[in-house]
PDB file of N, CA and C in Angstrom:
ATOM      1  N   MET A   1     114.633  82.283  92.598  1.00  0.00           N
ATOM      2  CA  MET A   1     113.833  82.627  93.743  1.00  0.00           C
ATOM      3  C   MET A   1     112.364  82.503  93.357  1.00  0.00           C
ATOM      4  N   LYS A   2     111.563  81.940  94.239  1.00  0.00           N
ATOM      5  CA  LYS A   2     110.163  81.661  93.964  1.00  0.00           C
ATOM      6  C   LYS A   2     109.275  82.890  94.076  1.00  0.00           C
ATOM      7  N   TYR A   3     109.706  83.887  94.819  1.00  0.00           N
ATOM      8  CA  TYR A   3     108.852  85.041  95.112  1.00  0.00           C
ATOM      9  C   TYR A   3     109.723  86.219  95.524  1.00  0.00           C
ATOM     10  N   THR A   4     109.112  87.385  95.562  1.00  0.00           N
ATOM     11  CA  THR A   4     109.826  88.577  96.007  1.00  0.00           C
ATOM     12  C   THR A   4     109.993  88.508  97.519  1.00  0.00           C
ATOM     13  N   PRO A   5     111.217  88.626  98.023  1.00  0.00           N
ATOM     14  CA  PRO A   5     111.427  88.517  99.470  1.00  0.00           C
ATOM     15  C   PRO A   5     110.811  89.701 100.220  1.00  0.00           C
ATOM     16  N   LEU A   6     110.419  89.451 101.457  1.00  0.00           N
ATOM     17  CA  LEU A   6     109.896  90.494 102.325  1.00  0.00           C
ATOM     18  C   LEU A   6     111.051  91.314 102.883  1.00  0.00           C
ATOM     19  N   SER A   7     110.726  92.381 103.561  1.00  0.00           N
ATOM     20  CA  SER A   7     111.746  93.243 104.150  1.00  0.00           C
ATOM     21  C   SER A   7     112.513  92.508 105.239  1.00  0.00           C
ATOM     22  N   GLN A   8     113.833  92.714 105.289  1.00  0.00           N
ATOM     23  CA  GLN A   8     114.638  92.075 106.323  1.00  0.00           C
ATOM     24  C   GLN A   8     114.232  92.556 107.709  1.00  0.00           C
ATOM     25  N   ALA A   9     113.591  93.719 107.804  1.00  0.00           N
ATOM     26  CA  ALA A   9     113.136  94.234 109.108  1.00  0.00           C
ATOM     27  C   ALA A   9     112.150  93.274 109.762  1.00  0.00           C
ATOM     28  N   LEU A  10     111.339  92.595 108.957  1.00  0.00           N
ATOM     29  CA  LEU A  10     110.393  91.613 109.498  1.00  0.00           C
ATOM     30  C   LEU A  10     111.136  90.461 110.162  1.00  0.00           C
ATOM     31  N   TYR A  11     112.159  89.944 109.505  1.00  0.00           N
ATOM     32  CA  TYR A  11     112.913  88.810 110.044  1.00  0.00           C
ATOM     33  C   TYR A  11     113.724  89.219 111.281  1.00  0.00           C
ATOM     34  N   ILE A  12     114.258  90.438 111.260  1.00  0.00           N
ATOM     35  CA  ILE A  12     114.985  90.945 112.428  1.00  0.00           C
ATOM     36  C   ILE A  12     114.035  91.051 113.615  1.00  0.00           C
ATOM     37  N   LYS A  13     112.837  91.550 113.384  1.00  0.00           N
ATOM     38  CA  LYS A  13     111.834  91.667 114.451  1.00  0.00           C
ATOM     39  C   LYS A  13     111.428  90.287 114.971  1.00  0.00           C
ATOM     40  N   ASN A  14     111.230  89.333 114.077  1.00  0.00           N
ATOM     41  CA  ASN A  14     110.849  87.980 114.490  1.00  0.00           C
ATOM     42  C   ASN A  14     111.930  87.347 115.369  1.00  0.00           C
ATOM     43  N   ARG A  15     113.193  87.509 114.991  1.00  0.00           N
ATOM     44  CA  ARG A  15     114.279  86.962 115.794  1.00  0.00           C
ATOM     45  C   ARG A  15     114.389  87.674 117.139  1.00  0.00           C
ATOM     46  N   SER A  16     114.157  88.953 117.146  1.00  0.00           N
ATOM     47  CA  SER A  16     114.200  89.719 118.390  1.00  0.00           C
ATOM     48  C   SER A  16     113.129  89.234 119.361  1.00  0.00           C
ATOM     49  N   ARG A  17     111.937  88.993 118.844  1.00  0.00           N
ATOM     50  CA  ARG A  17     110.849  88.492 119.693  1.00  0.00           C
ATOM     51  C   ARG A  17     111.185  87.117 120.261  1.00  0.00           C
ATOM     52  N   LEU A  18     111.788  86.259 119.445  1.00  0.00           N
ATOM     53  CA  LEU A  18     112.185  84.940 119.941  1.00  0.00           C
ATOM     54  C   LEU A  18     113.282  85.066 120.992  1.00  0.00           C
ATOM     55  N   SER A  19     114.251  85.942 120.766  1.00  0.00           N
ATOM     56  CA  SER A  19     115.350  86.133 121.726  1.00  0.00           C
ATOM     57  C   SER A  19     114.828  86.513 123.103  1.00  0.00           C
ATOM     58  N   GLU A  20     113.791  87.320 123.137  1.00  0.00           N
ATOM     59  CA  GLU A  20     113.200  87.729 124.419  1.00  0.00           C
ATOM     60  C   GLU A  20     112.553  86.557 125.151  1.00  0.00           C
ATOM     61  N   LEU A  21     112.114  85.554 124.418  1.00  0.00           N
ATOM     62  CA  LEU A  21     111.442  84.400 125.021  1.00  0.00           C
ATOM     63  C   LEU A  21     112.413  83.311 125.488  1.00  0.00           C
ATOM     64  N   LEU A  22     113.640  83.336 124.967  1.00  0.00           N
ATOM     65  CA  LEU A  22     114.613  82.310 125.346  1.00  0.00           C
ATOM     66  C   LEU A  22     115.090  82.527 126.782  1.00  0.00           C
ATOM     67  N   GLU A  23     115.286  81.427 127.493  1.00  0.00           N
ATOM     68  CA  GLU A  23     115.831  81.512 128.849  1.00  0.00           C
ATOM     69  C   GLU A  23     117.292  81.961 128.784  1.00  0.00           C
ATOM     70  N   LYS A  24     117.800  82.444 129.907  1.00  0.00           N
ATOM     71  CA  LYS A  24     119.177  82.920 129.968  1.00  0.00           C
ATOM     72  C   LYS A  24     120.140  81.782 129.612  1.00  0.00           C
ATOM     73  N   ASN A  25     121.156  82.099 128.834  1.00  0.00           N
ATOM     74  CA  ASN A  25     122.178  81.152 128.365  1.00  0.00           C
ATOM     75  C   ASN A  25     121.602  79.989 127.572  1.00  0.00           C
ATOM     76  N   CYS A  26     120.506  80.237 126.895  1.00  0.00           N
ATOM     77  CA  CYS A  26     119.873  79.211 126.062  1.00  0.00           C
ATOM     78  C   CYS A  26     120.242  79.452 124.600  1.00  0.00           C
ATOM     79  N   MET A  27     120.484  78.367 123.886  1.00  0.00           N
ATOM     80  CA  MET A  27     120.819  78.429 122.470  1.00  0.00           C
ATOM     81  C   MET A  27     119.700  77.765 121.680  1.00  0.00           C
ATOM     82  N   ALA A  28     119.333  78.352 120.543  1.00  0.00           N
ATOM     83  CA  ALA A  28     118.311  77.760 119.675  1.00  0.00           C
ATOM     84  C   ALA A  28     118.931  77.509 118.304  1.00  0.00           C
ATOM     85  N   VAL A  29     118.651  76.327 117.745  1.00  0.00           N
ATOM     86  CA  VAL A  29     119.191  75.951 116.442  1.00  0.00           C
ATOM     87  C   VAL A  29     118.033  75.493 115.560  1.00  0.00           C
ATOM     88  N   PHE A  30     117.959  76.047 114.359  1.00  0.00           N
ATOM     89  CA  PHE A  30     116.904  75.716 113.406  1.00  0.00           C
ATOM     90  C   PHE A  30     117.550  75.210 112.126  1.00  0.00           C
ATOM     91  N   HIS A  31     117.133  74.018 111.689  1.00  0.00           N
ATOM     92  CA  HIS A  31     117.659  73.416 110.468  1.00  0.00           C
ATOM     93  C   HIS A  31     116.610  73.487 109.363  1.00  0.00           C
ATOM     94  N   SER A  32     117.074  73.614 108.125  1.00  0.00           N
ATOM     95  CA  SER A  32     116.158  73.588 106.991  1.00  0.00           C
ATOM     96  C   SER A  32     115.650  72.167 106.777  1.00  0.00           C
ATOM     97  N   ASN A  33     114.562  72.063 106.038  1.00  0.00           N
ATOM     98  CA  ASN A  33     114.048  70.752 105.676  1.00  0.00           C
ATOM     99  C   ASN A  33     114.990  70.082 104.685  1.00  0.00           C
ATOM    100  N   ASP A  34     114.885  68.766 104.602  1.00  0.00           N
ATOM    101  CA  ASP A  34     115.643  68.008 103.615  1.00  0.00           C
ATOM    102  C   ASP A  34     114.903  68.024 102.281  1.00  0.00           C
ATOM    103  N   ILE A  35     115.618  67.747 101.215  1.00  0.00           N
ATOM    104  CA  ILE A  35     114.981  67.540  99.916  1.00  0.00           C
ATOM    105  C   ILE A  35     114.488  66.101  99.915  1.00  0.00           C
ATOM    106  N   MET A  36     113.197  65.925  99.724  1.00  0.00           N
ATOM    107  CA  MET A  36     112.595  64.596  99.815  1.00  0.00           C
ATOM    108  C   MET A  36     112.623  63.892  98.457  1.00  0.00           C
ATOM    109  N   PRO A  37     113.155  62.658  98.416  1.00  0.00           N
ATOM    110  CA  PRO A  37     113.201  61.915  97.148  1.00  0.00           C
ATOM    111  C   PRO A  37     111.832  61.337  96.797  1.00  0.00           C
ATOM    112  N   THR A  38     111.582  61.178  95.496  1.00  0.00           N
ATOM    113  CA  THR A  38     110.359  60.519  95.040  1.00  0.00           C
ATOM    114  C   THR A  38     110.664  59.111  94.548  1.00  0.00           C
ATOM    115  N   ASN A  39     111.848  58.916  94.010  1.00  0.00           N
ATOM    116  CA  ASN A  39     112.302  57.598  93.563  1.00  0.00           C
ATOM    117  C   ASN A  39     113.821  57.638  93.452  1.00  0.00           C
ATOM    118  N   ALA A  40     114.404  56.724  92.749  1.00  0.00           N
ATOM    119  CA  ALA A  40     115.860  56.624  92.705  1.00  0.00           C
ATOM    120  C   ALA A  40     116.545  57.863  92.134  1.00  0.00           C
ATOM    121  N   ASP A  41     115.911  58.550  91.216  1.00  0.00           N
ATOM    122  CA  ASP A  41     116.588  59.696  90.600  1.00  0.00           C
ATOM    123  C   ASP A  41     115.732  60.962  90.547  1.00  0.00           C
ATOM    124  N   GLY A  42     114.733  61.057  91.390  1.00  0.00           N
ATOM    125  CA  GLY A  42     113.876  62.244  91.400  1.00  0.00           C
ATOM    126  C   GLY A  42     113.696  62.789  92.801  1.00  0.00           C
ATOM    127  N   SER A  43     113.190  63.991  92.877  1.00  0.00           N
ATOM    128  CA  SER A  43     112.923  64.578  94.186  1.00  0.00           C
ATOM    129  C   SER A  43     111.715  65.496  94.104  1.00  0.00           C
ATOM    130  N   MET A  44     111.083  65.687  95.250  1.00  0.00           N
ATOM    131  CA  MET A  44     109.927  66.574  95.332  1.00  0.00           C
ATOM    132  C   MET A  44     110.421  68.020  95.355  1.00  0.00           C
ATOM    133  N   GLY A  45     109.521  68.930  95.095  1.00  0.00           N
ATOM    134  CA  GLY A  45     109.867  70.342  95.203  1.00  0.00           C
ATOM    135  C   GLY A  45     110.228  70.673  96.644  1.00  0.00           C
ATOM    136  N   PHE A  46     111.221  71.521  96.838  1.00  0.00           N
ATOM    137  CA  PHE A  46     111.685  71.857  98.183  1.00  0.00           C
ATOM    138  C   PHE A  46     110.689  72.767  98.879  1.00  0.00           C
ATOM    139  N   ARG A  47     110.416  72.459 100.139  1.00  0.00           N
ATOM    140  CA  ARG A  47     109.586  73.306 100.989  1.00  0.00           C
ATOM    141  C   ARG A  47     110.357  73.563 102.273  1.00  0.00           C
ATOM    142  N   GLN A  48     110.629  74.827 102.549  1.00  0.00           N
ATOM    143  CA  GLN A  48     111.449  75.201 103.706  1.00  0.00           C
ATOM    144  C   GLN A  48     110.713  74.969 105.021  1.00  0.00           C
ATOM    145  N   ASN A  49     111.487  74.677 106.061  1.00  0.00           N
ATOM    146  CA  ASN A  49     110.988  74.597 107.426  1.00  0.00           C
ATOM    147  C   ASN A  49     110.358  75.951 107.763  1.00  0.00           C
ATOM    148  N   SER A  50     109.115  75.947 108.201  1.00  0.00           N
ATOM    149  CA  SER A  50     108.385  77.199 108.448  1.00  0.00           C
ATOM    150  C   SER A  50     109.062  78.075 109.490  1.00  0.00           C
ATOM    151  N   ASP A  51     109.638  77.475 110.525  1.00  0.00           N
ATOM    152  CA  ASP A  51     110.306  78.266 111.561  1.00  0.00           C
ATOM    153  C   ASP A  51     111.525  78.994 111.004  1.00  0.00           C
ATOM    154  N   LEU A  52     112.326  78.295 110.228  1.00  0.00           N
ATOM    155  CA  LEU A  52     113.515  78.907 109.635  1.00  0.00           C
ATOM    156  C   LEU A  52     113.116  80.005 108.647  1.00  0.00           C
ATOM    157  N   GLN A  53     112.080  79.764 107.875  1.00  0.00           N
ATOM    158  CA  GLN A  53     111.589  80.767 106.927  1.00  0.00           C
ATOM    159  C   GLN A  53     111.107  82.015 107.668  1.00  0.00           C
ATOM    160  N   TYR A  54     110.378  81.814 108.758  1.00  0.00           N
ATOM    161  CA  TYR A  54     109.833  82.914 109.570  1.00  0.00           C
ATOM    162  C   TYR A  54     110.931  83.768 110.198  1.00  0.00           C
ATOM    163  N   LEU A  55     112.027  83.138 110.577  1.00  0.00           N
ATOM    164  CA  LEU A  55     113.103  83.842 111.276  1.00  0.00           C
ATOM    165  C   LEU A  55     114.174  84.430 110.353  1.00  0.00           C
ATOM    166  N   THR A  56     114.294  83.903 109.127  1.00  0.00           N
ATOM    167  CA  THR A  56     115.380  84.364 108.257  1.00  0.00           C
ATOM    168  C   THR A  56     114.953  84.800 106.864  1.00  0.00           C
ATOM    169  N   GLY A  57     113.879  84.239 106.342  1.00  0.00           N
ATOM    170  CA  GLY A  57     113.498  84.504 104.962  1.00  0.00           C
ATOM    171  C   GLY A  57     114.296  83.690 103.961  1.00  0.00           C
ATOM    172  N   ILE A  58     115.165  82.814 104.440  1.00  0.00           N
ATOM    173  CA  ILE A  58     116.009  81.991 103.567  1.00  0.00           C
ATOM    174  C   ILE A  58     115.241  80.733 103.170  1.00  0.00           C
ATOM    175  N   ASP A  59     115.053  80.557 101.867  1.00  0.00           N
ATOM    176  CA  ASP A  59     114.310  79.422 101.337  1.00  0.00           C
ATOM    177  C   ASP A  59     115.276  78.562 100.523  1.00  0.00           C
ATOM    178  N   GLN A  60     116.153  77.867 101.255  1.00  0.00           N
ATOM    179  CA  GLN A  60     117.196  77.068 100.605  1.00  0.00           C
ATOM    180  C   GLN A  60     117.553  75.895 101.496  1.00  0.00           C
ATOM    181  N   GLU A  61     117.781  74.739 100.881  1.00  0.00           N
ATOM    182  CA  GLU A  61     118.171  73.547 101.637  1.00  0.00           C
ATOM    183  C   GLU A  61     119.541  73.739 102.262  1.00  0.00           C
ATOM    184  N   GLU A  62     119.836  72.878 103.233  1.00  0.00           N
ATOM    185  CA  GLU A  62     121.122  72.882 103.943  1.00  0.00           C
ATOM    186  C   GLU A  62     121.434  74.239 104.570  1.00  0.00           C
ATOM    187  N   SER A  63     120.424  74.838 105.189  1.00  0.00           N
ATOM    188  CA  SER A  63     120.597  76.107 105.903  1.00  0.00           C
ATOM    189  C   SER A  63     120.366  75.872 107.385  1.00  0.00           C
ATOM    190  N   ILE A  64     121.098  76.602 108.228  1.00  0.00           N
ATOM    191  CA  ILE A  64     120.973  76.467 109.682  1.00  0.00           C
ATOM    192  C   ILE A  64     121.029  77.852 110.302  1.00  0.00           C
ATOM    193  N   LEU A  65     120.113  78.114 111.223  1.00  0.00           N
ATOM    194  CA  LEU A  65     120.144  79.341 112.008  1.00  0.00           C
ATOM    195  C   LEU A  65     120.508  78.971 113.433  1.00  0.00           C
ATOM    196  N   LEU A  66     121.514  79.652 113.981  1.00  0.00           N
ATOM    197  CA  LEU A  66     121.919  79.454 115.369  1.00  0.00           C
ATOM    198  C   LEU A  66     121.717  80.787 116.092  1.00  0.00           C
ATOM    199  N   MET A  67     120.925  80.756 117.156  1.00  0.00           N
ATOM    200  CA  MET A  67     120.680  81.961 117.955  1.00  0.00           C
ATOM    201  C   MET A  67     121.143  81.703 119.377  1.00  0.00           C
ATOM    202  N   PHE A  68     121.991  82.589 119.883  1.00  0.00           N
ATOM    203  CA  PHE A  68     122.504  82.488 121.239  1.00  0.00           C
ATOM    204  C   PHE A  68     122.669  83.909 121.770  1.00  0.00           C
ATOM    205  N   PRO A  69     121.566  84.535 122.231  1.00  0.00           N
ATOM    206  CA  PRO A  69     121.589  85.954 122.618  1.00  0.00           C
ATOM    207  C   PRO A  69     122.553  86.294 123.745  1.00  0.00           C
ATOM    208  N   ASP A  70     122.921  85.343 124.601  1.00  0.00           N
ATOM    209  CA  ASP A  70     123.733  85.636 125.776  1.00  0.00           C
ATOM    210  C   ASP A  70     125.205  85.282 125.614  1.00  0.00           C
ATOM    211  N   THR A  71     125.638  84.936 124.421  1.00  0.00           N
ATOM    212  CA  THR A  71     127.040  84.580 124.239  1.00  0.00           C
ATOM    213  C   THR A  71     127.949  85.795 124.441  1.00  0.00           C
ATOM    214  N   GLN A  72     129.146  85.530 124.917  1.00  0.00           N
ATOM    215  CA  GLN A  72     130.121  86.610 125.076  1.00  0.00           C
ATOM    216  C   GLN A  72     130.659  87.076 123.725  1.00  0.00           C
ATOM    217  N   TRP A  73     130.510  86.253 122.689  1.00  0.00           N
ATOM    218  CA  TRP A  73     130.958  86.584 121.336  1.00  0.00           C
ATOM    219  C   TRP A  73     129.830  87.360 120.650  1.00  0.00           C
ATOM    220  N   LYS A  74     129.810  88.666 120.794  1.00  0.00           N
ATOM    221  CA  LYS A  74     128.697  89.493 120.321  1.00  0.00           C
ATOM    222  C   LYS A  74     128.371  89.276 118.846  1.00  0.00           C
ATOM    223  N   GLY A  75     129.346  89.020 118.028  1.00  0.00           N
ATOM    224  CA  GLY A  75     129.108  88.790 116.606  1.00  0.00           C
ATOM    225  C   GLY A  75     128.447  87.458 116.308  1.00  0.00           C
ATOM    226  N   HIS A  76     128.378  86.581 117.308  1.00  0.00           N
ATOM    227  CA  HIS A  76     127.813  85.243 117.099  1.00  0.00           C
ATOM    228  C   HIS A  76     126.475  85.050 117.816  1.00  0.00           C
ATOM    229  N   ARG A  77     125.784  86.122 118.095  1.00  0.00           N
ATOM    230  CA  ARG A  77     124.466  85.994 118.739  1.00  0.00           C
ATOM    231  C   ARG A  77     123.421  85.487 117.756  1.00  0.00           C
ATOM    232  N   GLU A  78     123.594  85.820 116.508  1.00  0.00           N
ATOM    233  CA  GLU A  78     122.775  85.278 115.425  1.00  0.00           C
ATOM    234  C   GLU A  78     123.730  84.881 114.307  1.00  0.00           C
ATOM    235  N   VAL A  79     123.716  83.600 113.960  1.00  0.00           N
ATOM    236  CA  VAL A  79     124.615  83.110 112.917  1.00  0.00           C
ATOM    237  C   VAL A  79     123.798  82.273 111.943  1.00  0.00           C
ATOM    238  N   LEU A  80     124.007  82.518 110.664  1.00  0.00           N
ATOM    239  CA  LEU A  80     123.330  81.758 109.621  1.00  0.00           C
ATOM    240  C   LEU A  80     124.366  80.961 108.842  1.00  0.00           C
ATOM    241  N   PHE A  81     124.075  79.700 108.617  1.00  0.00           N
ATOM    242  CA  PHE A  81     124.938  78.815 107.832  1.00  0.00           C
ATOM    243  C   PHE A  81     124.173  78.442 106.570  1.00  0.00           C
ATOM    244  N   ILE A  82     124.813  78.624 105.414  1.00  0.00           N
ATOM    245  CA  ILE A  82     124.174  78.288 104.143  1.00  0.00           C
ATOM    246  C   ILE A  82     125.095  77.395 103.320  1.00  0.00           C
ATOM    247  N   LYS A  83     124.502  76.717 102.359  1.00  0.00           N
ATOM    248  CA  LYS A  83     125.252  75.821 101.484  1.00  0.00           C
ATOM    249  C   LYS A  83     126.213  76.628 100.617  1.00  0.00           C
ATOM    250  N   GLU A  84     127.456  76.182 100.576  1.00  0.00           N
ATOM    251  CA  GLU A  84     128.456  76.857  99.744  1.00  0.00           C
ATOM    252  C   GLU A  84     128.095  76.673  98.280  1.00  0.00           C
ATOM    253  N   THR A  85     128.201  77.743  97.536  1.00  0.00           N
ATOM    254  CA  THR A  85     127.808  77.699  96.130  1.00  0.00           C
ATOM    255  C   THR A  85     129.018  77.828  95.212  1.00  0.00           C
ATOM    256  N   SER A  86     128.816  77.458  93.968  1.00  0.00           N
ATOM    257  CA  SER A  86     129.863  77.574  92.944  1.00  0.00           C
ATOM    258  C   SER A  86     129.173  77.583  91.579  1.00  0.00           C
ATOM    259  N   GLU A  87     129.930  77.805  90.526  1.00  0.00           N
ATOM    260  CA  GLU A  87     129.354  77.755  89.178  1.00  0.00           C
ATOM    261  C   GLU A  87     128.834  76.360  88.864  1.00  0.00           C
ATOM    262  N   HIS A  88     129.561  75.350  89.299  1.00  0.00           N
ATOM    263  CA  HIS A  88     129.152  73.963  89.072  1.00  0.00           C
ATOM    264  C   HIS A  88     127.799  73.681  89.738  1.00  0.00           C
ATOM    265  N   ILE A  89     127.631  74.106  90.984  1.00  0.00           N
ATOM    266  CA  ILE A  89     126.367  73.902  91.696  1.00  0.00           C
ATOM    267  C   ILE A  89     125.246  74.676  91.012  1.00  0.00           C
ATOM    268  N   ALA A  90     125.530  75.886  90.580  1.00  0.00           N
ATOM    269  CA  ALA A  90     124.510  76.700  89.912  1.00  0.00           C
ATOM    270  C   ALA A  90     124.009  76.024  88.634  1.00  0.00           C
ATOM    271  N   ILE A  91     124.902  75.378  87.903  1.00  0.00           N
ATOM    272  CA  ILE A  91     124.507  74.699  86.667  1.00  0.00           C
ATOM    273  C   ILE A  91     123.646  73.478  86.962  1.00  0.00           C
ATOM    274  N   TRP A  92     124.054  72.655  87.930  1.00  0.00           N
ATOM    275  CA  TRP A  92     123.395  71.381  88.155  1.00  0.00           C
ATOM    276  C   TRP A  92     122.250  71.428  89.166  1.00  0.00           C
ATOM    277  N   GLU A  93     122.295  72.351  90.111  1.00  0.00           N
ATOM    278  CA  GLU A  93     121.254  72.404  91.143  1.00  0.00           C
ATOM    279  C   GLU A  93     120.447  73.689  91.112  1.00  0.00           C
ATOM    280  N   GLY A  94     120.920  74.689  90.410  1.00  0.00           N
ATOM    281  CA  GLY A  94     120.252  75.982  90.376  1.00  0.00           C
ATOM    282  C   GLY A  94     120.945  76.969  91.299  1.00  0.00           C
ATOM    283  N   HIS A  95     120.496  78.195  91.249  1.00  0.00           N
ATOM    284  CA  HIS A  95     121.104  79.274  92.031  1.00  0.00           C
ATOM    285  C   HIS A  95     121.000  78.995  93.530  1.00  0.00           C
ATOM    286  N   LYS A  96     122.076  79.234  94.237  1.00  0.00           N
ATOM    287  CA  LYS A  96     122.118  79.181  95.706  1.00  0.00           C
ATOM    288  C   LYS A  96     122.557  80.544  96.192  1.00  0.00           C
ATOM    289  N   PHE A  97     122.099  80.930  97.363  1.00  0.00           N
ATOM    290  CA  PHE A  97     122.430  82.247  97.898  1.00  0.00           C
ATOM    291  C   PHE A  97     123.920  82.383  98.168  1.00  0.00           C
ATOM    292  N   THR A  98     124.458  83.544  97.844  1.00  0.00           N
ATOM    293  CA  THR A  98     125.799  83.895  98.278  1.00  0.00           C
ATOM    294  C   THR A  98     125.665  84.447  99.695  1.00  0.00           C
ATOM    295  N   LYS A  99     126.781  84.635 100.367  1.00  0.00           N
ATOM    296  CA  LYS A  99     126.735  85.203 101.717  1.00  0.00           C
ATOM    297  C   LYS A  99     126.112  86.599 101.695  1.00  0.00           C
ATOM    298  N   GLU A 100     126.443  87.379 100.677  1.00  0.00           N
ATOM    299  CA  GLU A 100     125.919  88.742 100.580  1.00  0.00           C
ATOM    300  C   GLU A 100     124.400  88.731 100.372  1.00  0.00           C
ATOM    301  N   GLU A 101     123.914  87.844  99.519  1.00  0.00           N
ATOM    302  CA  GLU A 101     122.466  87.745  99.278  1.00  0.00           C
ATOM    303  C   GLU A 101     121.732  87.303 100.545  1.00  0.00           C
ATOM    304  N   ALA A 102     122.297  86.337 101.246  1.00  0.00           N
ATOM    305  CA  ALA A 102     121.675  85.861 102.483  1.00  0.00           C
ATOM    306  C   ALA A 102     121.646  86.964 103.535  1.00  0.00           C
ATOM    307  N   LYS A 103     122.706  87.748 103.601  1.00  0.00           N
ATOM    308  CA  LYS A 103     122.770  88.864 104.545  1.00  0.00           C
ATOM    309  C   LYS A 103     121.708  89.909 104.207  1.00  0.00           C
ATOM    310  N   GLU A 104     121.537  90.192 102.932  1.00  0.00           N
ATOM    311  CA  GLU A 104     120.561  91.187 102.476  1.00  0.00           C
ATOM    312  C   GLU A 104     119.129  90.735 102.777  1.00  0.00           C
ATOM    313  N   ILE A 105     118.843  89.462 102.599  1.00  0.00           N
ATOM    314  CA  ILE A 105     117.491  88.950 102.840  1.00  0.00           C
ATOM    315  C   ILE A 105     117.187  88.847 104.325  1.00  0.00           C
ATOM    316  N   SER A 106     118.109  88.258 105.093  1.00  0.00           N
ATOM    317  CA  SER A 106     117.836  87.934 106.492  1.00  0.00           C
ATOM    318  C   SER A 106     118.151  89.049 107.477  1.00  0.00           C
ATOM    319  N   GLY A 107     119.108  89.888 107.151  1.00  0.00           N
ATOM    320  CA  GLY A 107     119.566  90.896 108.101  1.00  0.00           C
ATOM    321  C   GLY A 107     120.564  90.349 109.104  1.00  0.00           C
ATOM    322  N   ILE A 108     120.972  89.102 108.941  1.00  0.00           N
ATOM    323  CA  ILE A 108     121.972  88.489 109.821  1.00  0.00           C
ATOM    324  C   ILE A 108     123.354  88.843 109.293  1.00  0.00           C
ATOM    325  N   GLN A 109     124.215  89.331 110.170  1.00  0.00           N
ATOM    326  CA  GLN A 109     125.528  89.811 109.752  1.00  0.00           C
ATOM    327  C   GLN A 109     126.576  88.706 109.657  1.00  0.00           C
ATOM    328  N   LYS A 110     126.486  87.681 110.519  1.00  0.00           N
ATOM    329  CA  LYS A 110     127.464  86.579 110.512  1.00  0.00           C
ATOM    330  C   LYS A 110     126.901  85.422 109.703  1.00  0.00           C
ATOM    331  N   ILE A 111     127.517  85.170 108.561  1.00  0.00           N
ATOM    332  CA  ILE A 111     127.077  84.074 107.705  1.00  0.00           C
ATOM    333  C   ILE A 111     128.286  83.224 107.362  1.00  0.00           C
ATOM    334  N   TYR A 112     128.125  81.921 107.557  1.00  0.00           N
ATOM    335  CA  TYR A 112     129.182  80.957 107.264  1.00  0.00           C
ATOM    336  C   TYR A 112     128.625  79.896 106.334  1.00  0.00           C
ATOM    337  N   TRP A 113     129.532  79.082 105.786  1.00  0.00           N
ATOM    338  CA  TRP A 113     129.117  77.924 104.997  1.00  0.00           C
ATOM    339  C   TRP A 113     128.688  76.819 105.956  1.00  0.00           C
ATOM    340  N   THR A 114     127.809  75.971 105.511  1.00  0.00           N
ATOM    341  CA  THR A 114     127.247  74.916 106.351  1.00  0.00           C
ATOM    342  C   THR A 114     128.324  73.998 106.924  1.00  0.00           C
ATOM    343  N   HIS A 115     129.370  73.715 106.170  1.00  0.00           N
ATOM    344  CA  HIS A 115     130.414  72.800 106.664  1.00  0.00           C
ATOM    345  C   HIS A 115     131.168  73.373 107.869  1.00  0.00           C
ATOM    346  N   GLN A 116     130.999  74.657 108.180  1.00  0.00           N
ATOM    347  CA  GLN A 116     131.659  75.281 109.325  1.00  0.00           C
ATOM    348  C   GLN A 116     130.809  75.213 110.595  1.00  0.00           C
ATOM    349  N   PHE A 117     129.600  74.669 110.483  1.00  0.00           N
ATOM    350  CA  PHE A 117     128.674  74.652 111.620  1.00  0.00           C
ATOM    351  C   PHE A 117     129.250  73.933 112.836  1.00  0.00           C
ATOM    352  N   ASP A 118     129.782  72.742 112.659  1.00  0.00           N
ATOM    353  CA  ASP A 118     130.251  71.944 113.798  1.00  0.00           C
ATOM    354  C   ASP A 118     131.275  72.679 114.654  1.00  0.00           C
ATOM    355  N   SER A 119     132.248  73.295 114.032  1.00  0.00           N
ATOM    356  CA  SER A 119     133.290  73.966 114.820  1.00  0.00           C
ATOM    357  C   SER A 119     132.738  75.174 115.574  1.00  0.00           C
ATOM    358  N   ILE A 120     131.895  75.947 114.956  1.00  0.00           N
ATOM    359  CA  ILE A 120     131.330  77.122 115.630  1.00  0.00           C
ATOM    360  C   ILE A 120     130.339  76.701 116.710  1.00  0.00           C
ATOM    361  N   PHE A 121     129.521  75.708 116.419  1.00  0.00           N
ATOM    362  CA  PHE A 121     128.572  75.203 117.412  1.00  0.00           C
ATOM    363  C   PHE A 121     129.312  74.652 118.628  1.00  0.00           C
ATOM    364  N   ASN A 122     130.361  73.886 118.416  1.00  0.00           N
ATOM    365  CA  ASN A 122     131.126  73.310 119.533  1.00  0.00           C
ATOM    366  C   ASN A 122     131.741  74.398 120.410  1.00  0.00           C
ATOM    367  N   THR A 123     132.176  75.485 119.803  1.00  0.00           N
ATOM    368  CA  THR A 123     132.734  76.596 120.581  1.00  0.00           C
ATOM    369  C   THR A 123     131.654  77.259 121.426  1.00  0.00           C
ATOM    370  N   LEU A 124     130.514  77.533 120.821  1.00  0.00           N
ATOM    371  CA  LEU A 124     129.448  78.256 121.524  1.00  0.00           C
ATOM    372  C   LEU A 124     128.710  77.393 122.555  1.00  0.00           C
ATOM    373  N   MET A 125     128.581  76.103 122.297  1.00  0.00           N
ATOM    374  CA  MET A 125     127.814  75.264 123.220  1.00  0.00           C
ATOM    375  C   MET A 125     128.481  75.151 124.592  1.00  0.00           C
ATOM    376  N   CYS A 126     129.763  75.388 124.652  1.00  0.00           N
ATOM    377  CA  CYS A 126     130.453  75.347 125.946  1.00  0.00           C
ATOM    378  C   CYS A 126     129.958  76.443 126.880  1.00  0.00           C
ATOM    379  N   GLU A 127     129.428  77.511 126.342  1.00  0.00           N
ATOM    380  CA  GLU A 127     128.876  78.597 127.137  1.00  0.00           C
ATOM    381  C   GLU A 127     127.421  78.377 127.538  1.00  0.00           C
ATOM    382  N   ALA A 128     126.712  77.596 126.761  1.00  0.00           N
ATOM    383  CA  ALA A 128     125.265  77.438 126.957  1.00  0.00           C
ATOM    384  C   ALA A 128     124.947  76.524 128.133  1.00  0.00           C
ATOM    385  N   ASP A 129     123.814  76.808 128.757  1.00  0.00           N
ATOM    386  CA  ASP A 129     123.330  75.950 129.830  1.00  0.00           C
ATOM    387  C   ASP A 129     122.472  74.839 129.265  1.00  0.00           C
TER     388      ASP A 129
END
């Protein structure tokens, strides 16, 4: 981690303020920035999408925030998707957040792996206008 994370109360407040601004039955999706290559085998330092950072505090690639305040699925009003981690990934790419760590930082209760985004998004988008 590059820095000491801020209180999750800040991120909860930021998401609450955004939820109030969304139109009825509107869904908002925020994707993290990509890792930018410098040449065939190098990459630049990762810089998170400012909107995603502001709303979640998660500073990690392959992260997605889905907000749908009016969904009938109360547990899915705020959903965070993060890259699945393992010992192999930790060795070769560095530490990635576990679901528990992401929950502690962001205050979001529903956290899934990024590969689950399509199925959950497809279910929820049927409700959205």
